[in-house]
Amino acid sequence: SATAMASAWAMASALGLSGALRLSLLPRSMSTPFA
């Protein structure tokens, strides 16, 4: 879980995504209801 969230944040930062997009990407590695 730590690796998934860290990699999502790093990818969003590398792509220069906005804050809202970064936060939308952060929960990508859990099942849809939780995410």
Full PDB file with SEQRES, HELIX, SHEET, SSBOND, CRYST1, ORIGX, SCALE, CONECT and MASTER records, all heavy atoms in Angstrom:
SEQRES   1 A   35  SER ALA THR ALA MET ALA SER ALA TRP ALA MET ALA SER          
SEQRES   2 A   35  ALA LEU GLY LEU SER GLY ALA LEU ARG LEU SER LEU LEU          
SEQRES   3 A   35  PRO ARG SER MET SER THR PRO PHE ALA                          
HELIX    1 AA1 ALA A    2  ALA A   14  1                                  13    
HELIX    2 AA2 GLY A   19  LEU A   25  1                                   7    
CRYST1    1.000    1.000    1.000  90.00  90.00  90.00 P 1           1          
ORIGX1      1.000000  0.000000  0.000000        0.00000                         
ORIGX2      0.000000  1.000000  0.000000        0.00000                         
ORIGX3      0.000000  0.000000  1.000000        0.00000                         
SCALE1      1.000000  0.000000  0.000000        0.00000                         
SCALE2      0.000000  1.000000  0.000000        0.00000                         
SCALE3      0.000000  0.000000  1.000000        0.00000                         
ATOM      1  N   SER A   1       0.826  -1.208   0.000  1.00  0.00           N  
ATOM      2  CA  SER A   1       0.000   0.000   0.000  1.00  0.00           C  
ATOM      3  C   SER A   1       0.858   1.254   0.000  1.00  0.00           C  
ATOM      4  O   SER A   1       0.574   2.221  -0.720  1.00  0.00           O  
ATOM      5  CB  SER A   1      -0.932   0.001   1.216  1.00  0.00           C  
ATOM      6  OG  SER A   1      -1.844  -1.076   1.155  1.00  0.00           O  
ATOM      7  N   ALA A   2       1.900   1.247   0.823  1.00  0.00           N  
ATOM      8  CA  ALA A   2       2.798   2.401   0.863  1.00  0.00           C  
ATOM      9  C   ALA A   2       3.465   2.619  -0.487  1.00  0.00           C  
ATOM     10  O   ALA A   2       3.580   3.761  -0.976  1.00  0.00           O  
ATOM     11  CB  ALA A   2       3.851   2.203   1.950  1.00  0.00           C  
ATOM     12  N   THR A   3       3.888   1.520  -1.125  1.00  0.00           N  
ATOM     13  CA  THR A   3       4.527   1.622  -2.440  1.00  0.00           C  
ATOM     14  C   THR A   3       3.549   2.143  -3.486  1.00  0.00           C  
ATOM     15  O   THR A   3       3.902   2.976  -4.326  1.00  0.00           O  
ATOM     16  CB  THR A   3       5.065   0.252  -2.869  1.00  0.00           C  
ATOM     17  OG1 THR A   3       5.999  -0.222  -1.901  1.00  0.00           O  
ATOM     18  CG2 THR A   3       5.740   0.334  -4.225  1.00  0.00           C  
ATOM     19  N   ALA A   4       2.301   1.652  -3.432  1.00  0.00           N  
ATOM     20  CA  ALA A   4       1.294   2.071  -4.414  1.00  0.00           C  
ATOM     21  C   ALA A   4       0.992   3.559  -4.303  1.00  0.00           C  
ATOM     22  O   ALA A   4       0.933   4.279  -5.307  1.00  0.00           O  
ATOM     23  CB  ALA A   4       0.015   1.258  -4.218  1.00  0.00           C  
ATOM     24  N   MET A   5       0.801   4.049  -3.077  1.00  0.00           N  
ATOM     25  CA  MET A   5       0.479   5.463  -2.904  1.00  0.00           C  
ATOM     26  C   MET A   5       1.668   6.355  -3.239  1.00  0.00           C  
ATOM     27  O   MET A   5       1.514   7.409  -3.863  1.00  0.00           O  
ATOM     28  CB  MET A   5      -0.006   5.717  -1.480  1.00  0.00           C  
ATOM     29  CG  MET A   5      -1.388   5.171  -1.208  1.00  0.00           C  
ATOM     30  SD  MET A   5      -2.077   5.697   0.370  1.00  0.00           S  
ATOM     31  CE  MET A   5      -1.062   4.751   1.498  1.00  0.00           C  
ATOM     32  N   ALA A   6       2.868   5.917  -2.837  1.00  0.00           N  
ATOM     33  CA  ALA A   6       4.060   6.710  -3.139  1.00  0.00           C  
ATOM     34  C   ALA A   6       4.309   6.777  -4.639  1.00  0.00           C  
ATOM     35  O   ALA A   6       4.652   7.839  -5.183  1.00  0.00           O  
ATOM     36  CB  ALA A   6       5.273   6.115  -2.423  1.00  0.00           C  
ATOM     37  N   SER A   7       4.133   5.652  -5.326  1.00  0.00           N  
ATOM     38  CA  SER A   7       4.357   5.640  -6.777  1.00  0.00           C  
ATOM     39  C   SER A   7       3.302   6.466  -7.506  1.00  0.00           C  
ATOM     40  O   SER A   7       3.605   7.144  -8.491  1.00  0.00           O  
ATOM     41  CB  SER A   7       4.355   4.201  -7.293  1.00  0.00           C  
ATOM     42  OG  SER A   7       3.097   3.577  -7.079  1.00  0.00           O  
ATOM     43  N   ALA A   8       2.052   6.440  -7.013  1.00  0.00           N  
ATOM     44  CA  ALA A   8       1.004   7.253  -7.620  1.00  0.00           C  
ATOM     45  C   ALA A   8       1.315   8.729  -7.472  1.00  0.00           C  
ATOM     46  O   ALA A   8       1.148   9.520  -8.419  1.00  0.00           O  
ATOM     47  CB  ALA A   8      -0.346   6.927  -6.979  1.00  0.00           C  
ATOM     48  N   TRP A   9       1.774   9.111  -6.289  1.00  0.00           N  
ATOM     49  CA  TRP A   9       2.109  10.517  -6.056  1.00  0.00           C  
ATOM     50  C   TRP A   9       3.313  10.941  -6.891  1.00  0.00           C  
ATOM     51  O   TRP A   9       3.338  12.034  -7.472  1.00  0.00           O  
ATOM     52  CB  TRP A   9       2.389  10.745  -4.576  1.00  0.00           C  
ATOM     53  CG  TRP A   9       2.472  12.199  -4.226  1.00  0.00           C  
ATOM     54  CD1 TRP A   9       3.589  12.970  -4.114  1.00  0.00           C  
ATOM     55  CD2 TRP A   9       1.379  13.060  -3.964  1.00  0.00           C  
ATOM     56  NE1 TRP A   9       3.266  14.246  -3.795  1.00  0.00           N  
ATOM     57  CE2 TRP A   9       1.911  14.335  -3.682  1.00  0.00           C  
ATOM     58  CE3 TRP A   9      -0.007  12.874  -3.921  1.00  0.00           C  
ATOM     59  CZ2 TRP A   9       1.107  15.432  -3.373  1.00  0.00           C  
ATOM     60  CZ3 TRP A   9      -0.810  13.961  -3.604  1.00  0.00           C  
ATOM     61  CH2 TRP A   9      -0.255  15.219  -3.334  1.00  0.00           C  
ATOM     62  N   ALA A  10       4.321  10.071  -6.984  1.00  0.00           N  
ATOM     63  CA  ALA A  10       5.515  10.380  -7.768  1.00  0.00           C  
ATOM     64  C   ALA A  10       5.166  10.510  -9.253  1.00  0.00           C  
ATOM     65  O   ALA A  10       5.658  11.418  -9.947  1.00  0.00           O  
ATOM     66  CB  ALA A  10       6.574   9.298  -7.568  1.00  0.00           C  
ATOM     67  N   MET A  11       4.304   9.619  -9.746  1.00  0.00           N  
ATOM     68  CA  MET A  11       3.893   9.686 -11.147  1.00  0.00           C  
ATOM     69  C   MET A  11       3.120  10.962 -11.427  1.00  0.00           C  
ATOM     70  O   MET A  11       3.332  11.623 -12.447  1.00  0.00           O  
ATOM     71  CB  MET A  11       3.046   8.462 -11.499  1.00  0.00           C  
ATOM     72  CG  MET A  11       2.568   8.427 -12.934  1.00  0.00           C  
ATOM     73  SD  MET A  11       1.787   6.839 -13.380  1.00  0.00           S  
ATOM     74  CE  MET A  11       0.461   6.750 -12.181  1.00  0.00           C  
ATOM     75  N   ALA A  12       2.206  11.327 -10.504  1.00  0.00           N  
ATOM     76  CA  ALA A  12       1.428  12.554 -10.683  1.00  0.00           C  
ATOM     77  C   ALA A  12       2.333  13.777 -10.667  1.00  0.00           C  
ATOM     78  O   ALA A  12       2.132  14.726 -11.442  1.00  0.00           O  
ATOM     79  CB  ALA A  12       0.371  12.651  -9.589  1.00  0.00           C  
ATOM     80  N   SER A  13       3.338  13.763  -9.786  1.00  0.00           N  
ATOM     81  CA  SER A  13       4.269  14.893  -9.714  1.00  0.00           C  
ATOM     82  C   SER A  13       5.113  14.988 -10.980  1.00  0.00           C  
ATOM     83  O   SER A  13       5.357  16.085 -11.498  1.00  0.00           O  
ATOM     84  CB  SER A  13       5.177  14.740  -8.484  1.00  0.00           C  
ATOM     85  OG  SER A  13       4.415  14.721  -7.291  1.00  0.00           O  
ATOM     86  N   ALA A  14       5.565  13.834 -11.479  1.00  0.00           N  
ATOM     87  CA  ALA A  14       6.390  13.832 -12.686  1.00  0.00           C  
ATOM     88  C   ALA A  14       5.617  14.337 -13.898  1.00  0.00           C  
ATOM     89  O   ALA A  14       6.181  14.984 -14.784  1.00  0.00           O  
ATOM     90  CB  ALA A  14       6.914  12.417 -12.948  1.00  0.00           C  
ATOM     91  N   LEU A  15       4.311  14.068 -13.926  1.00  0.00           N  
ATOM     92  CA  LEU A  15       3.470  14.513 -15.041  1.00  0.00           C  
ATOM     93  C   LEU A  15       2.937  15.929 -14.847  1.00  0.00           C  
ATOM     94  O   LEU A  15       2.257  16.460 -15.728  1.00  0.00           O  
ATOM     95  CB  LEU A  15       2.299  13.541 -15.232  1.00  0.00           C  
ATOM     96  CG  LEU A  15       2.667  12.114 -15.658  1.00  0.00           C  
ATOM     97  CD1 LEU A  15       1.423  11.233 -15.680  1.00  0.00           C  
ATOM     98  CD2 LEU A  15       3.337  12.121 -17.030  1.00  0.00           C  
ATOM     99  N   GLY A  16       3.206  16.515 -13.682  1.00  0.00           N  
ATOM    100  CA  GLY A  16       2.750  17.871 -13.420  1.00  0.00           C  
ATOM    101  C   GLY A  16       1.247  17.988 -13.266  1.00  0.00           C  
ATOM    102  O   GLY A  16       0.663  19.009 -13.647  1.00  0.00           O  
ATOM    103  N   LEU A  17       0.608  16.970 -12.717  1.00  0.00           N  
ATOM    104  CA  LEU A  17      -0.843  16.995 -12.565  1.00  0.00           C  
ATOM    105  C   LEU A  17      -1.252  17.959 -11.462  1.00  0.00           C  
ATOM    106  O   LEU A  17      -0.504  18.208 -10.519  1.00  0.00           O  
ATOM    107  CB  LEU A  17      -1.366  15.594 -12.241  1.00  0.00           C  
ATOM    108  CG  LEU A  17      -1.092  14.499 -13.278  1.00  0.00           C  
ATOM    109  CD1 LEU A  17      -1.730  13.196 -12.833  1.00  0.00           C  
ATOM    110  CD2 LEU A  17      -1.614  14.906 -14.651  1.00  0.00           C  
ATOM    111  N   SER A  18      -2.450  18.495 -11.588  1.00  0.00           N  
ATOM    112  CA  SER A  18      -2.962  19.430 -10.592  1.00  0.00           C  
ATOM    113  C   SER A  18      -3.275  18.714  -9.284  1.00  0.00           C  
ATOM    114  O   SER A  18      -3.302  17.479  -9.223  1.00  0.00           O  
ATOM    115  CB  SER A  18      -4.232  20.105 -11.113  1.00  0.00           C  
ATOM    116  OG  SER A  18      -5.274  19.147 -11.256  1.00  0.00           O  
ATOM    117  N   GLY A  19      -3.528  19.514  -8.240  1.00  0.00           N  
ATOM    118  CA  GLY A  19      -3.796  18.940  -6.929  1.00  0.00           C  
ATOM    119  C   GLY A  19      -4.970  17.990  -6.913  1.00  0.00           C  
ATOM    120  O   GLY A  19      -4.902  16.899  -6.335  1.00  0.00           O  
ATOM    121  N   ALA A  20      -6.080  18.372  -7.552  1.00  0.00           N  
ATOM    122  CA  ALA A  20      -7.273  17.528  -7.560  1.00  0.00           C  
ATOM    123  C   ALA A  20      -7.010  16.213  -8.293  1.00  0.00           C  
ATOM    124  O   ALA A  20      -7.475  15.150  -7.865  1.00  0.00           O  
ATOM    125  CB  ALA A  20      -8.438  18.270  -8.211  1.00  0.00           C  
ATOM    126  N   LEU A  21      -6.250  16.269  -9.382  1.00  0.00           N  
ATOM    127  CA  LEU A  21      -5.934  15.050 -10.122  1.00  0.00           C  
ATOM    128  C   LEU A  21      -5.018  14.141  -9.309  1.00  0.00           C  
ATOM    129  O   LEU A  21      -5.158  12.920  -9.325  1.00  0.00           O  
ATOM    130  CB  LEU A  21      -5.280  15.394 -11.462  1.00  0.00           C  
ATOM    131  CG  LEU A  21      -6.208  15.890 -12.565  1.00  0.00           C  
ATOM    132  CD1 LEU A  21      -5.409  16.302 -13.791  1.00  0.00           C  
ATOM    133  CD2 LEU A  21      -7.215  14.818 -12.932  1.00  0.00           C  
ATOM    134  N   ARG A  22      -4.083  14.751  -8.588  1.00  0.00           N  
ATOM    135  CA  ARG A  22      -3.189  13.956  -7.755  1.00  0.00           C  
ATOM    136  C   ARG A  22      -3.982  13.211  -6.678  1.00  0.00           C  
ATOM    137  O   ARG A  22      -3.755  12.030  -6.424  1.00  0.00           O  
ATOM    138  CB  ARG A  22      -2.151  14.852  -7.079  1.00  0.00           C  
ATOM    139  CG  ARG A  22      -1.154  15.482  -8.011  1.00  0.00           C  
ATOM    140  CD  ARG A  22      -0.078  16.179  -7.219  1.00  0.00           C  
ATOM    141  NE  ARG A  22       0.758  17.008  -8.077  1.00  0.00           N  
ATOM    142  CZ  ARG A  22       1.911  17.548  -7.689  1.00  0.00           C  
ATOM    143  NH1 ARG A  22       2.357  17.323  -6.464  1.00  0.00           N  
ATOM    144  NH2 ARG A  22       2.617  18.298  -8.496  1.00  0.00           N  
ATOM    145  N   LEU A  23      -4.896  13.923  -6.057  1.00  0.00           N  
ATOM    146  CA  LEU A  23      -5.691  13.308  -5.000  1.00  0.00           C  
ATOM    147  C   LEU A  23      -6.643  12.257  -5.556  1.00  0.00           C  
ATOM    148  O   LEU A  23      -7.006  11.310  -4.859  1.00  0.00           O  
ATOM    149  CB  LEU A  23      -6.465  14.385  -4.241  1.00  0.00           C  
ATOM    150  CG  LEU A  23      -5.588  15.362  -3.449  1.00  0.00           C  
ATOM    151  CD1 LEU A  23      -6.439  16.478  -2.857  1.00  0.00           C  
ATOM    152  CD2 LEU A  23      -4.820  14.644  -2.346  1.00  0.00           C  
ATOM    153  N   SER A  24      -7.062  12.406  -6.799  1.00  0.00           N  
ATOM    154  CA  SER A  24      -7.909  11.402  -7.441  1.00  0.00           C  
ATOM    155  C   SER A  24      -7.115  10.149  -7.770  1.00  0.00           C  
ATOM    156  O   SER A  24      -7.651   9.037  -7.762  1.00  0.00           O  
ATOM    157  CB  SER A  24      -8.530  11.970  -8.729  1.00  0.00           C  
ATOM    158  OG  SER A  24      -9.330  13.102  -8.460  1.00  0.00           O  
ATOM    159  N   LEU A  25      -5.825  10.335  -8.061  1.00  0.00           N  
ATOM    160  CA  LEU A  25      -4.964   9.207  -8.416  1.00  0.00           C  
ATOM    161  C   LEU A  25      -4.481   8.441  -7.189  1.00  0.00           C  
ATOM    162  O   LEU A  25      -4.218   7.236  -7.257  1.00  0.00           O  
ATOM    163  CB  LEU A  25      -3.758   9.719  -9.208  1.00  0.00           C  
ATOM    164  CG  LEU A  25      -2.782   8.699  -9.793  1.00  0.00           C  
ATOM    165  CD1 LEU A  25      -3.491   7.801 -10.802  1.00  0.00           C  
ATOM    166  CD2 LEU A  25      -1.604   9.400 -10.439  1.00  0.00           C  
ATOM    167  N   LEU A  26      -4.408   9.112  -6.057  1.00  0.00           N  
ATOM    168  CA  LEU A  26      -3.823   8.532  -4.855  1.00  0.00           C  
ATOM    169  C   LEU A  26      -4.482   7.215  -4.427  1.00  0.00           C  
ATOM    170  O   LEU A  26      -3.785   6.254  -4.091  1.00  0.00           O  
ATOM    171  CB  LEU A  26      -3.894   9.548  -3.715  1.00  0.00           C  
ATOM    172  CG  LEU A  26      -3.024   9.271  -2.490  1.00  0.00           C  
ATOM    173  CD1 LEU A  26      -1.543   9.265  -2.862  1.00  0.00           C  
ATOM    174  CD2 LEU A  26      -3.284  10.315  -1.413  1.00  0.00           C  
ATOM    175  N   PRO A  27      -5.828   7.089  -4.432  1.00  0.00           N  
ATOM    176  CA  PRO A  27      -6.447   5.834  -3.967  1.00  0.00           C  
ATOM    177  C   PRO A  27      -6.618   4.779  -5.054  1.00  0.00           C  
ATOM    178  O   PRO A  27      -7.465   3.897  -4.922  1.00  0.00           O  
ATOM    179  CB  PRO A  27      -7.827   6.282  -3.459  1.00  0.00           C  
ATOM    180  CG  PRO A  27      -7.925   7.749  -3.722  1.00  0.00           C  
ATOM    181  CD  PRO A  27      -6.853   8.098  -4.666  1.00  0.00           C  
ATOM    182  N   ARG A  28      -5.826   4.821  -6.113  1.00  0.00           N  
ATOM    183  CA  ARG A  28      -6.050   3.958  -7.277  1.00  0.00           C  
ATOM    184  C   ARG A  28      -5.848   2.478  -6.968  1.00  0.00           C  
ATOM    185  O   ARG A  28      -6.366   1.624  -7.692  1.00  0.00           O  
ATOM    186  CB  ARG A  28      -5.099   4.358  -8.408  1.00  0.00           C  
ATOM    187  CG  ARG A  28      -3.649   4.083  -8.078  1.00  0.00           C  
ATOM    188  CD  ARG A  28      -2.677   4.501  -9.169  1.00  0.00           C  
ATOM    189  NE  ARG A  28      -1.302   4.326  -8.756  1.00  0.00           N  
ATOM    190  CZ  ARG A  28      -0.638   3.188  -8.844  1.00  0.00           C  
ATOM    191  NH1 ARG A  28      -1.231   2.113  -9.337  1.00  0.00           N  
ATOM    192  NH2 ARG A  28       0.612   3.097  -8.441  1.00  0.00           N  
ATOM    193  N   SER A  29      -5.089   2.162  -5.920  1.00  0.00           N  
ATOM    194  CA  SER A  29      -4.744   0.768  -5.664  1.00  0.00           C  
ATOM    195  C   SER A  29      -5.601   0.116  -4.593  1.00  0.00           C  
ATOM    196  O   SER A  29      -5.113  -0.688  -3.802  1.00  0.00           O  
ATOM    197  CB  SER A  29      -3.257   0.662  -5.292  1.00  0.00           C  
ATOM    198  OG  SER A  29      -2.447   0.945  -6.408  1.00  0.00           O  
ATOM    199  N   MET A  30      -6.870   0.471  -4.554  1.00  0.00           N  
ATOM    200  CA  MET A  30      -7.823  -0.217  -3.687  1.00  0.00           C  
ATOM    201  C   MET A  30      -9.091  -0.460  -4.480  1.00  0.00           C  
ATOM    202  O   MET A  30      -9.261   0.111  -5.560  1.00  0.00           O  
ATOM    203  CB  MET A  30      -8.102   0.597  -2.421  1.00  0.00           C  
ATOM    204  CG  MET A  30      -8.734   1.952  -2.640  1.00  0.00           C  
ATOM    205  SD  MET A  30      -8.961   2.887  -1.095  1.00  0.00           S  
ATOM    206  CE  MET A  30      -7.379   3.686  -0.961  1.00  0.00           C  
ATOM    207  N   SER A  31      -9.969  -1.304  -3.983  1.00  0.00           N  
ATOM    208  CA  SER A  31     -11.197  -1.614  -4.711  1.00  0.00           C  
ATOM    209  C   SER A  31     -12.073  -0.363  -4.811  1.00  0.00           C  
ATOM    210  O   SER A  31     -11.992   0.553  -3.993  1.00  0.00           O  
ATOM    211  CB  SER A  31     -11.949  -2.756  -4.034  1.00  0.00           C  
ATOM    212  OG  SER A  31     -12.280  -2.414  -2.706  1.00  0.00           O  
ATOM    213  N   THR A  32     -12.914  -0.338  -5.830  1.00  0.00           N  
ATOM    214  CA  THR A  32     -13.666   0.864  -6.189  1.00  0.00           C  
ATOM    215  C   THR A  32     -14.480   1.474  -5.051  1.00  0.00           C  
ATOM    216  O   THR A  32     -14.446   2.693  -4.868  1.00  0.00           O  
ATOM    217  CB  THR A  32     -14.584   0.567  -7.393  1.00  0.00           C  
ATOM    218  OG1 THR A  32     -13.793   0.047  -8.462  1.00  0.00           O  
ATOM    219  CG2 THR A  32     -15.278   1.832  -7.873  1.00  0.00           C  
ATOM    220  N   PRO A  33     -15.242   0.705  -4.264  1.00  0.00           N  
ATOM    221  CA  PRO A  33     -16.025   1.343  -3.191  1.00  0.00           C  
ATOM    222  C   PRO A  33     -15.157   2.111  -2.202  1.00  0.00           C  
ATOM    223  O   PRO A  33     -15.486   3.231  -1.818  1.00  0.00           O  
ATOM    224  CB  PRO A  33     -16.727   0.163  -2.506  1.00  0.00           C  
ATOM    225  CG  PRO A  33     -16.724  -0.934  -3.513  1.00  0.00           C  
ATOM    226  CD  PRO A  33     -15.474  -0.748  -4.300  1.00  0.00           C  
ATOM    227  N   PHE A  34     -14.030   1.515  -1.794  1.00  0.00           N  
ATOM    228  CA  PHE A  34     -13.110   2.195  -0.894  1.00  0.00           C  
ATOM    229  C   PHE A  34     -12.508   3.418  -1.577  1.00  0.00           C  
ATOM    230  O   PHE A  34     -12.414   4.495  -0.984  1.00  0.00           O  
ATOM    231  CB  PHE A  34     -11.974   1.253  -0.464  1.00  0.00           C  
ATOM    232  CG  PHE A  34     -12.407   0.116   0.407  1.00  0.00           C  
ATOM    233  CD1 PHE A  34     -12.292  -1.199  -0.027  1.00  0.00           C  
ATOM    234  CD2 PHE A  34     -12.908   0.349   1.672  1.00  0.00           C  
ATOM    235  CE1 PHE A  34     -12.668  -2.249   0.779  1.00  0.00           C  
ATOM    236  CE2 PHE A  34     -13.296  -0.710   2.493  1.00  0.00           C  
ATOM    237  CZ  PHE A  34     -13.179  -2.009   2.043  1.00  0.00           C  
ATOM    238  N   ALA A  35     -12.072   3.237  -2.815  1.00  0.00           N  
ATOM    239  CA  ALA A  35     -11.358   4.298  -3.522  1.00  0.00           C  
ATOM    240  C   ALA A  35     -12.235   5.528  -3.745  1.00  0.00           C  
ATOM    241  O   ALA A  35     -11.786   6.665  -3.551  1.00  0.00           O  
ATOM    242  CB  ALA A  35     -10.848   3.768  -4.863  1.00  0.00           C  
TER     243      ALA A  35                                                      
MASTER        0    0    0    2    0    0    0    6  242    1    0    3          
END                                                                             
